């Protein structure tokens, strides 16, 4: 088992580097140009790719670690994003055993609902729905504004997902190769 992890160490560092880059982009860079509700959840697109590409304990470990990186960047130790990303990995893994995600519409739908589920898991793990990342607005949010922001983030992330998966497939390897049986 240790030798298998050592063999995957370069992949671990690559995904970690991508995770740090996406944390910077979605937390610091893109909010300078776009309103918060229009910033896609780039880390979640990486989680989707990992969920398709690495259907093993290694994939779950990668998703957990990317969640840890996001939690630590926000000053939370062993926090809720690690749990939310791991739950998302498991759900995507389960559904990818049943469906072939080569269809553009299926990828859009899966990404849309997975972002919503991930944010709900985050909110449940923090026991404080209004403090979730997607709900951090300038003023005290109402339930309506929270759901609108959640919907917009899910929609924008879903629309971006198929294109980013194609780029990842070109540079990191096709995510479809080990899909449903």
Protein backbone atom coordinates (compact mmCIF):
# COMPACT_ATOMS: atom_id res chain seq x y z
CA UNK A 1 0.00 0.00 0.00
CA UNK A 2 2.84 2.41 0.80
CA UNK A 3 4.54 1.64 -2.50
CA UNK A 4 1.29 2.36 -4.33
CA UNK A 5 1.05 5.75 -2.61
CA UNK A 6 4.71 6.53 -3.39
CA UNK A 7 4.02 5.73 -7.05
CA UNK A 8 1.13 8.21 -7.00
CA UNK A 9 3.08 10.96 -5.24
CA UNK A 10 3.71 12.97 -8.46
CA UNK A 11 -0.04 12.93 -9.16
CA UNK A 12 -0.72 14.02 -5.58
CA UNK A 13 1.60 17.00 -5.99
CA UNK A 14 0.09 17.89 -9.37
CA UNK A 15 -3.47 17.88 -8.03
CA UNK A 16 -2.33 19.78 -4.93
CA UNK A 17 -0.75 22.43 -7.14
CA UNK A 18 -3.94 22.69 -9.21
CA UNK A 19 -5.94 22.93 -5.98
CA UNK A 20 -3.80 25.81 -4.70
CA UNK A 21 -4.06 27.56 -8.07
CA UNK A 22 -7.85 27.21 -8.11
CA UNK A 23 -8.12 28.40 -4.50
CA UNK A 24 -6.20 31.52 -5.50
CA UNK A 25 -8.30 32.04 -8.62
CA UNK A 26 -11.70 31.58 -7.00
CA UNK A 27 -10.90 33.28 -3.69
CA UNK A 28 -8.65 36.18 -4.67
CA UNK A 29 -8.29 36.74 -8.40
CA UNK A 30 -11.74 36.22 -9.97
CA UNK A 31 -13.71 38.11 -7.26
CA UNK A 32 -11.68 41.17 -8.28
CA UNK A 33 -13.32 41.04 -11.70
CA UNK A 34 -16.64 39.34 -11.10
CA UNK A 35 -19.35 39.60 -8.46
CA UNK A 36 -19.06 36.76 -5.93
CA UNK A 37 -22.21 35.07 -7.22
CA UNK A 38 -20.67 34.80 -10.72
CA UNK A 39 -17.42 33.17 -9.60
CA UNK A 40 -17.45 29.48 -10.55
CA UNK A 41 -16.40 26.88 -8.03
CA UNK A 42 -13.22 25.80 -9.84
CA UNK A 43 -12.18 23.47 -7.04
CA UNK A 44 -15.38 21.57 -7.46
CA UNK A 45 -14.68 21.03 -11.16
CA UNK A 46 -11.34 19.53 -10.08
CA UNK A 47 -13.23 17.30 -7.62
CA UNK A 48 -15.49 16.12 -10.46
CA UNK A 49 -12.48 15.28 -12.63
CA UNK A 50 -10.77 13.41 -9.78
CA UNK A 51 -14.00 11.53 -9.05
CA UNK A 52 -14.11 10.24 -12.61
CA UNK A 53 -10.38 9.65 -13.07
CA UNK A 54 -9.39 8.11 -9.72
CA UNK A 55 -12.13 5.76 -8.53
CA UNK A 56 -10.32 4.49 -5.49
CA UNK A 57 -9.21 5.41 -2.02
CA UNK A 58 -6.60 7.64 -3.69
CA UNK A 59 -9.35 9.73 -5.33
CA UNK A 60 -11.18 10.10 -2.02
CA UNK A 61 -7.90 11.08 -0.35
CA UNK A 62 -7.23 13.72 -3.05
CA UNK A 63 -10.71 15.22 -2.63
CA UNK A 64 -10.31 15.25 1.14
CA UNK A 65 -6.92 16.97 0.89
CA UNK A 66 -8.19 19.60 -1.55
CA UNK A 67 -10.98 20.29 0.93
CA UNK A 68 -8.37 20.60 3.70
CA UNK A 69 -6.43 23.11 1.58
CA UNK A 70 -9.59 25.19 1.11
CA UNK A 71 -10.44 24.98 4.80
CA UNK A 72 -6.93 26.01 5.83
CA UNK A 73 -6.97 28.91 3.37
CA UNK A 74 -10.08 30.17 5.16
CA UNK A 75 -8.59 29.63 8.63
CA UNK A 76 -10.56 26.49 9.47
CA UNK A 77 -8.69 23.45 10.82
CA UNK A 78 -9.96 20.06 9.57
CA UNK A 79 -13.07 21.71 8.38
CA UNK A 80 -16.27 21.19 6.51
CA UNK A 81 -15.03 21.54 2.92
CA UNK A 82 -12.91 18.41 3.38
CA UNK A 83 -16.06 16.54 4.40
CA UNK A 84 -18.21 18.11 1.69
CA UNK A 85 -15.71 17.29 -1.07
CA UNK A 86 -15.33 13.71 0.18
CA UNK A 87 -19.13 13.27 0.25
CA UNK A 88 -19.28 14.71 -3.28
CA UNK A 89 -16.57 12.29 -4.43
CA UNK A 90 -18.57 9.35 -3.08
CA UNK A 91 -21.81 10.50 -4.72
CA UNK A 92 -20.17 11.15 -8.08
CA UNK A 93 -18.39 7.79 -7.83
CA UNK A 94 -21.70 6.00 -7.17
CA UNK A 95 -23.50 7.71 -10.06
CA UNK A 96 -20.59 7.20 -12.44
CA UNK A 97 -21.00 3.46 -11.92
CA UNK A 98 -24.55 3.72 -13.28
CA UNK A 99 -24.23 6.30 -16.07
CA UNK A 100 -21.80 7.12 -18.87
CA UNK A 101 -20.89 10.77 -18.46
CA UNK A 102 -19.87 11.37 -22.05
CA UNK A 103 -23.05 13.32 -22.80
CA UNK A 104 -22.80 17.11 -22.44
CA UNK A 105 -26.26 17.36 -20.82
CA UNK A 106 -25.50 14.60 -18.28
CA UNK A 107 -22.27 16.34 -17.26
CA UNK A 108 -24.13 19.66 -16.90
CA UNK A 109 -26.85 18.10 -14.76
CA UNK A 110 -24.42 16.12 -12.62
CA UNK A 111 -22.22 19.16 -12.00
CA UNK A 112 -25.23 21.36 -11.20
CA UNK A 113 -26.70 19.00 -8.62
CA UNK A 114 -23.32 18.01 -7.21
CA UNK A 115 -22.44 21.65 -6.48
CA UNK A 116 -25.76 22.10 -4.70
CA UNK A 117 -25.28 18.91 -2.67
CA UNK A 118 -21.70 19.87 -1.82
CA UNK A 119 -22.77 23.29 -0.54
CA UNK A 120 -25.61 21.77 1.47
CA UNK A 121 -23.17 19.23 2.94
CA UNK A 122 -20.83 22.10 3.83
CA UNK A 123 -23.66 24.00 5.49
CA UNK A 124 -24.78 20.95 7.44
CA UNK A 125 -21.23 20.22 8.56
CA UNK A 126 -20.86 23.77 9.84
CA UNK A 127 -24.33 23.72 11.42
CA UNK A 128 -24.74 27.28 10.21
CA UNK A 129 -26.29 27.65 6.77
CA UNK A 130 -25.91 31.45 6.44
CA UNK A 131 -22.12 31.25 6.91
CA UNK A 132 -21.52 29.01 3.87
CA UNK A 133 -19.11 30.45 1.25
CA UNK A 134 -21.82 30.94 -1.31
CA UNK A 135 -23.94 32.86 1.13
CA UNK A 136 -21.36 35.46 2.17
CA UNK A 137 -23.00 38.61 0.89
CA UNK A 138 -22.31 42.22 1.87
CA UNK A 139 -25.47 42.43 3.96
CA UNK A 140 -27.29 39.91 6.12
CA UNK A 141 -28.63 37.40 3.58
CA UNK A 142 -32.23 36.32 3.31
CA UNK A 143 -33.16 32.74 2.49
CA UNK A 144 -34.26 33.82 -0.99
CA UNK A 145 -30.93 35.50 -1.75
CA UNK A 146 -29.03 32.46 -0.44
CA UNK A 147 -30.87 30.10 -2.76
CA UNK A 148 -30.44 32.46 -5.72
CA UNK A 149 -26.68 32.64 -5.10
CA UNK A 150 -26.51 28.85 -4.69
CA UNK A 151 -28.42 28.39 -7.94
CA UNK A 152 -26.18 30.85 -9.81
CA UNK A 153 -22.97 29.25 -8.53
CA UNK A 154 -24.24 25.79 -9.46
CA UNK A 155 -25.34 26.97 -12.90
CA UNK A 156 -22.10 28.79 -13.72
CA UNK A 157 -19.96 25.92 -12.44
CA UNK A 158 -22.06 23.40 -14.39
CA UNK A 159 -21.78 25.41 -17.62
CA UNK A 160 -18.00 25.62 -17.23
CA UNK A 161 -17.49 21.98 -16.19
CA UNK A 162 -17.63 20.23 -19.62
CA UNK A 163 -15.06 22.63 -21.09
CA UNK A 164 -12.67 22.39 -18.14
CA UNK A 165 -13.00 18.58 -18.17
CA UNK A 166 -11.94 18.63 -21.83
CA UNK A 167 -8.88 20.73 -20.97
CA UNK A 168 -8.03 18.40 -18.08
CA UNK A 169 -8.49 15.40 -20.37
CA UNK A 170 -6.06 16.87 -22.86
CA UNK A 171 -3.33 17.57 -20.31
CA UNK A 172 -3.99 15.09 -17.49
CA UNK A 173 -5.59 12.15 -19.27
CA UNK A 174 -9.11 11.25 -20.26
CA UNK A 175 -11.52 11.05 -17.34
CA UNK A 176 -13.84 8.71 -19.28
CA UNK A 177 -11.38 5.79 -19.53
CA UNK A 178 -12.49 4.07 -16.34
CA UNK A 179 -16.12 5.15 -16.32
CA UNK A 180 -19.27 3.07 -15.87
CA UNK A 181 -19.14 -0.64 -16.49
